[in-house]
Amino acid sequence: MKTIETPILVLTGAGISRESGVPTFRGADGLWKNYRAEELATPEAFARQPELVWEWYDWRRQAIAKCNPNAAHEVIVAIEDATGPGEFLLATQNVDGLHELAGSRNVRRLHGSIWHLRCVRCDHEELNRTVPLAPLPPPCPQCGSFLRPGVVWFGEGLDRVVLDAAFTAARTARTVLVIGTSSLVYPAAALPEIALESGAHVVEVNPEATPLSPYVAERLEGPAAELLPAWWRERAPTD
């Protein structure tokens, strides 16, 4: 039996969600009403047309609400269950909440959550899974201003606390799984690079080659939901 060294860092991107049916807005999924994601997911777009931006996010929320975690999400939960305190961290670029729905606990959402809303004016924040939302934009119950999606838009910085936790995990991890991410979007793409520099065993799961591919110790070329279960069965503790 093969074993996995701990601590373990798992980094996931849009690919793992795509396997559950979540629209990714890349390739064939790239447009919504002839708008690209880059045109809608910005503070400037929200300032100009908050209703249009919210129509897009509400459509996405409704689409995600119909999706379920897949076998790859479940394997990640199993890996976390097999580790001790402080030995596992999941950093995800996805905003859909499927990891939490599957049962993952120690999750750092690099790009926020589509299910969290926050006020553009005051400090009000809330978890809201209502689909569809009405009215759009939703009003802040505290000050009456607009609520916005609790996600990181283009041109915005990532949450420093979340990012620091992920970078700390990358520096200390002995095993890193990179699942369904293009390894092109920074700072997330820097996580496996840091882990490699620290001597970690890096495993990439992706149907397509990425800039990271030549440097990893293992590469599973194909859908994560198909390949990860067998990979984990060979390494899961048996006691």
Protein backbone atom coordinates (compact mmCIF):
# COMPACT_ATOMS: atom_id res chain seq x y z
CA MET A 1 0.00 0.00 0.00
CA LYS A 2 1.14 3.52 -0.80
CA THR A 3 0.97 6.16 1.89
CA ILE A 4 0.47 9.92 1.99
CA GLU A 5 2.73 12.13 4.04
CA THR A 6 1.08 14.83 6.11
CA PRO A 7 0.40 17.73 6.36
CA ILE A 8 -1.78 17.75 3.25
CA LEU A 9 -2.88 20.74 1.17
CA VAL A 10 -5.62 20.38 -1.44
CA LEU A 11 -6.09 23.14 -4.02
CA THR A 12 -9.19 23.00 -6.23
CA GLY A 13 -10.38 25.03 -9.19
CA ALA A 14 -13.26 25.22 -11.63
CA GLY A 15 -12.64 21.77 -13.11
CA ILE A 16 -13.90 19.85 -10.08
CA SER A 17 -17.11 21.91 -10.09
CA ARG A 18 -17.56 21.50 -13.84
CA GLU A 19 -17.80 17.75 -13.26
CA SER A 20 -20.84 18.46 -11.05
CA GLY A 21 -22.47 20.55 -13.77
CA VAL A 22 -21.53 24.00 -12.47
CA PRO A 23 -21.09 26.52 -15.33
CA THR A 24 -17.49 27.72 -15.50
CA PHE A 25 -17.73 30.57 -18.04
CA ARG A 26 -14.77 29.24 -20.00
CA GLY A 27 -14.82 27.89 -23.52
CA ALA A 28 -18.37 26.92 -24.51
CA ASP A 29 -19.62 28.22 -21.15
CA GLY A 30 -17.96 31.59 -21.69
CA LEU A 31 -20.95 33.84 -22.32
CA TRP A 32 -24.14 34.82 -20.50
CA LYS A 33 -26.50 37.01 -22.52
CA ASN A 34 -23.46 37.91 -24.66
CA TYR A 35 -21.55 39.16 -21.62
CA ARG A 36 -18.24 37.68 -20.54
CA ALA A 37 -17.56 37.07 -16.86
CA GLU A 38 -14.81 39.69 -16.97
CA GLU A 39 -17.41 42.30 -17.94
CA LEU A 40 -19.76 41.52 -15.04
CA ALA A 41 -17.57 40.43 -12.12
CA THR A 42 -16.10 43.85 -11.37
CA PRO A 43 -16.83 46.65 -8.90
CA GLU A 44 -17.23 49.02 -11.84
CA ALA A 45 -19.91 46.86 -13.49
CA PHE A 46 -21.81 46.65 -10.20
CA ALA A 47 -21.62 50.42 -9.74
CA ARG A 48 -22.99 50.98 -13.26
CA GLN A 49 -25.59 48.20 -13.50
CA PRO A 50 -26.17 46.46 -10.17
CA GLU A 51 -29.39 44.84 -11.38
CA LEU A 52 -27.69 43.27 -14.41
CA VAL A 53 -24.81 41.96 -12.32
CA TRP A 54 -27.23 40.51 -9.81
CA GLU A 55 -29.29 38.86 -12.56
CA TRP A 56 -26.14 37.00 -13.57
CA TYR A 57 -25.29 35.98 -10.04
CA ASP A 58 -28.87 34.95 -9.31
CA TRP A 59 -28.83 32.80 -12.46
CA ARG A 60 -25.58 31.23 -11.28
CA ARG A 61 -26.97 30.61 -7.79
CA GLN A 62 -29.99 28.86 -9.27
CA ALA A 63 -27.75 26.72 -11.50
CA ILE A 64 -25.46 25.78 -8.60
CA ALA A 65 -28.43 24.93 -6.37
CA LYS A 66 -29.27 22.10 -8.78
CA CYS A 67 -25.76 20.61 -8.55
CA ASN A 68 -24.41 18.05 -6.11
CA PRO A 69 -20.89 17.18 -4.96
CA ASN A 70 -19.23 14.46 -7.03
CA ALA A 71 -16.92 11.59 -6.16
CA ALA A 72 -13.87 13.87 -6.14
CA HIS A 73 -15.46 16.10 -3.50
CA GLU A 74 -16.17 12.97 -1.46
CA VAL A 75 -12.57 11.75 -1.71
CA ILE A 76 -11.34 15.10 -0.41
CA VAL A 77 -13.65 14.69 2.61
CA ALA A 78 -12.29 11.17 3.15
CA ILE A 79 -8.71 12.46 3.07
CA GLU A 80 -9.57 15.11 5.65
CA ASP A 81 -11.28 12.50 7.82
CA ALA A 82 -8.11 10.38 7.73
CA THR A 83 -5.85 13.16 8.99
CA GLY A 84 -5.26 14.54 12.44
CA PRO A 85 -5.72 18.08 13.77
CA GLY A 86 -3.68 20.62 11.82
CA GLU A 87 -2.72 18.10 9.13
CA PHE A 88 -5.15 19.13 6.39
CA LEU A 89 -6.26 22.28 4.61
CA LEU A 90 -8.45 22.70 1.54
CA ALA A 91 -7.96 25.92 -0.44
CA THR A 92 -10.54 26.39 -3.18
CA GLN A 93 -10.91 28.94 -5.95
CA ASN A 94 -14.56 27.92 -6.31
CA VAL A 95 -17.40 29.99 -4.86
CA ASP A 96 -20.16 27.36 -5.16
CA GLY A 97 -19.96 25.77 -1.70
CA LEU A 98 -19.95 22.18 -3.00
CA HIS A 99 -16.98 21.27 -0.80
CA GLU A 100 -18.88 22.27 2.33
CA LEU A 101 -21.98 20.49 1.05
CA ALA A 102 -19.90 17.33 0.67
CA GLY A 103 -18.70 17.62 4.26
CA SER A 104 -15.33 19.39 4.04
CA ARG A 105 -14.60 21.37 7.18
CA ASN A 106 -11.18 23.03 7.08
CA VAL A 107 -11.86 25.08 3.94
CA ARG A 108 -10.34 28.38 2.88
CA ARG A 109 -12.39 30.03 0.12
CA LEU A 110 -9.84 32.06 -1.82
CA HIS A 111 -12.46 33.80 -3.96
CA GLY A 112 -15.29 33.98 -1.43
CA SER A 113 -18.74 32.39 -1.56
CA ILE A 114 -21.68 33.05 -3.86
CA TRP A 115 -23.97 32.22 -0.91
CA HIS A 116 -22.61 35.04 1.25
CA LEU A 117 -23.89 38.58 0.76
CA ARG A 118 -22.40 41.77 2.13
CA CYS A 119 -23.46 45.39 2.12
CA VAL A 120 -21.64 47.88 -0.08
CA ARG A 121 -22.04 50.57 2.60
CA CYS A 122 -22.17 49.14 6.13
CA ASP A 123 -20.69 46.07 7.82
CA HIS A 124 -23.72 43.80 7.35
CA GLU A 125 -22.99 40.29 6.07
CA GLU A 126 -25.26 37.28 5.77
CA LEU A 127 -25.46 33.71 4.54
CA ASN A 128 -28.36 33.51 2.09
CA ARG A 129 -29.24 30.41 0.08
CA THR A 130 -32.59 31.72 -1.20
CA VAL A 131 -33.10 31.03 -4.91
CA PRO A 132 -34.28 32.96 -6.74
CA LEU A 133 -33.51 36.17 -4.90
CA ALA A 134 -35.98 39.05 -5.02
CA PRO A 135 -35.81 41.94 -5.36
CA LEU A 136 -32.61 42.46 -7.32
CA PRO A 137 -30.38 43.96 -6.12
CA PRO A 138 -31.28 42.71 -2.62
CA PRO A 139 -31.50 45.52 -0.04
CA CYS A 140 -29.41 45.63 3.11
CA PRO A 141 -31.69 45.02 6.13
CA GLN A 142 -29.43 47.21 8.25
CA CYS A 143 -28.97 50.39 6.20
CA GLY A 144 -31.11 49.96 3.07
CA SER A 145 -28.22 50.08 0.61
CA PHE A 146 -27.45 47.27 -1.86
CA LEU A 147 -26.08 43.87 -0.91
CA ARG A 148 -23.43 42.46 -3.23
CA PRO A 149 -22.21 38.88 -3.70
CA GLY A 150 -19.55 37.92 -1.17
CA VAL A 151 -17.05 36.99 -3.86
CA VAL A 152 -13.74 38.45 -5.01
CA TRP A 153 -14.22 40.41 -8.21
CA PHE A 154 -11.63 41.19 -10.86
CA GLY A 155 -9.46 44.02 -9.59
CA GLU A 156 -10.10 43.22 -5.91
CA GLY A 157 -7.59 41.73 -3.49
CA LEU A 158 -8.05 38.39 -1.78
CA ASP A 159 -8.82 38.19 1.92
CA ARG A 160 -5.43 38.44 3.65
CA VAL A 161 -6.33 36.03 6.49
CA VAL A 162 -7.54 33.38 4.02
CA LEU A 163 -4.50 33.85 1.80
CA ASP A 164 -2.04 33.69 4.70
CA ALA A 165 -3.55 30.40 5.87
CA ALA A 166 -3.19 28.93 2.39
CA PHE A 167 0.40 30.09 1.98
CA THR A 168 1.33 28.75 5.41
CA ALA A 169 -0.14 25.38 4.44
CA ALA A 170 1.80 25.43 1.15
CA ARG A 171 5.08 26.01 2.95
CA THR A 172 4.54 23.17 5.44
CA ALA A 173 2.68 20.56 3.35
CA ARG A 174 4.35 17.26 2.53
CA THR A 175 1.62 16.29 0.04
CA VAL A 176 -0.30 18.66 -2.24
CA LEU A 177 -3.22 17.75 -4.49
CA VAL A 178 -3.94 20.25 -7.28
CA ILE A 179 -7.35 19.41 -8.74
CA GLY A 180 -9.14 21.01 -11.67
CA THR A 181 -7.22 24.27 -11.77
CA SER A 182 -5.46 25.84 -14.74
CA SER A 183 -2.48 26.93 -12.61
CA LEU A 184 -2.67 30.28 -14.39
CA VAL A 185 -4.52 32.47 -11.88
CA TYR A 186 -2.35 34.03 -9.19
CA PRO A 187 -1.93 34.12 -6.27
CA ALA A 188 -3.56 30.66 -6.10
CA ALA A 189 -1.18 29.31 -8.74
CA ALA A 190 1.73 30.17 -6.46
CA LEU A 191 0.62 27.67 -3.80
CA PRO A 192 1.89 24.50 -5.52
CA GLU A 193 5.01 26.37 -6.65
CA ILE A 194 5.82 27.21 -3.03
CA ALA A 195 5.09 23.63 -2.01
CA LEU A 196 7.45 22.30 -4.69
CA GLU A 197 10.21 24.61 -3.48
CA SER A 198 9.65 23.22 0.02
CA GLY A 199 10.03 19.64 -1.21
CA ALA A 200 6.38 18.56 -1.17
CA HIS A 201 5.02 15.64 -3.19
CA VAL A 202 2.67 17.37 -5.65
CA VAL A 203 -0.11 15.49 -7.45
CA GLU A 204 -1.98 17.16 -10.30
CA VAL A 205 -5.43 15.98 -11.41
CA ASN A 206 -6.55 17.59 -14.66
CA PRO A 207 -7.73 16.42 -18.09
CA GLU A 208 -5.40 18.96 -19.69
CA ALA A 209 -1.75 19.83 -19.19
CA THR A 210 -0.99 23.05 -17.31
CA PRO A 211 2.14 25.11 -16.65
CA LEU A 212 2.52 23.08 -13.45
CA SER A 213 2.42 19.67 -15.16
CA PRO A 214 6.14 19.25 -15.96
CA TYR A 215 7.09 19.70 -12.32
CA VAL A 216 4.68 17.45 -10.42
CA ALA A 217 5.53 14.06 -8.94
CA GLU A 218 2.27 12.47 -10.10
CA ARG A 219 -0.18 13.47 -12.79
CA LEU A 220 -3.67 11.99 -13.15
CA GLU A 221 -4.83 12.99 -16.63
CA GLY A 222 -8.60 12.91 -16.74
CA PRO A 223 -11.72 13.79 -14.72
CA ALA A 224 -11.10 13.96 -10.99
CA ALA A 225 -14.38 12.20 -10.16
CA GLU A 226 -13.21 9.20 -12.19
CA LEU A 227 -9.54 9.06 -11.16
CA LEU A 228 -9.34 10.23 -7.55
CA PRO A 229 -11.34 7.40 -5.93
CA ALA A 230 -8.93 4.70 -7.17
CA TRP A 231 -5.91 6.85 -6.31
CA TRP A 232 -7.21 7.26 -2.76
CA ARG A 233 -8.12 3.58 -2.33
CA GLU A 234 -4.46 2.70 -2.85
CA ARG A 235 -3.43 5.08 -0.08
CA ALA A 236 -6.28 5.18 2.43
CA PRO A 237 -5.48 3.92 5.94
CA THR A 238 -6.94 0.47 6.58
CA ASP A 239 -6.98 0.39 10.39
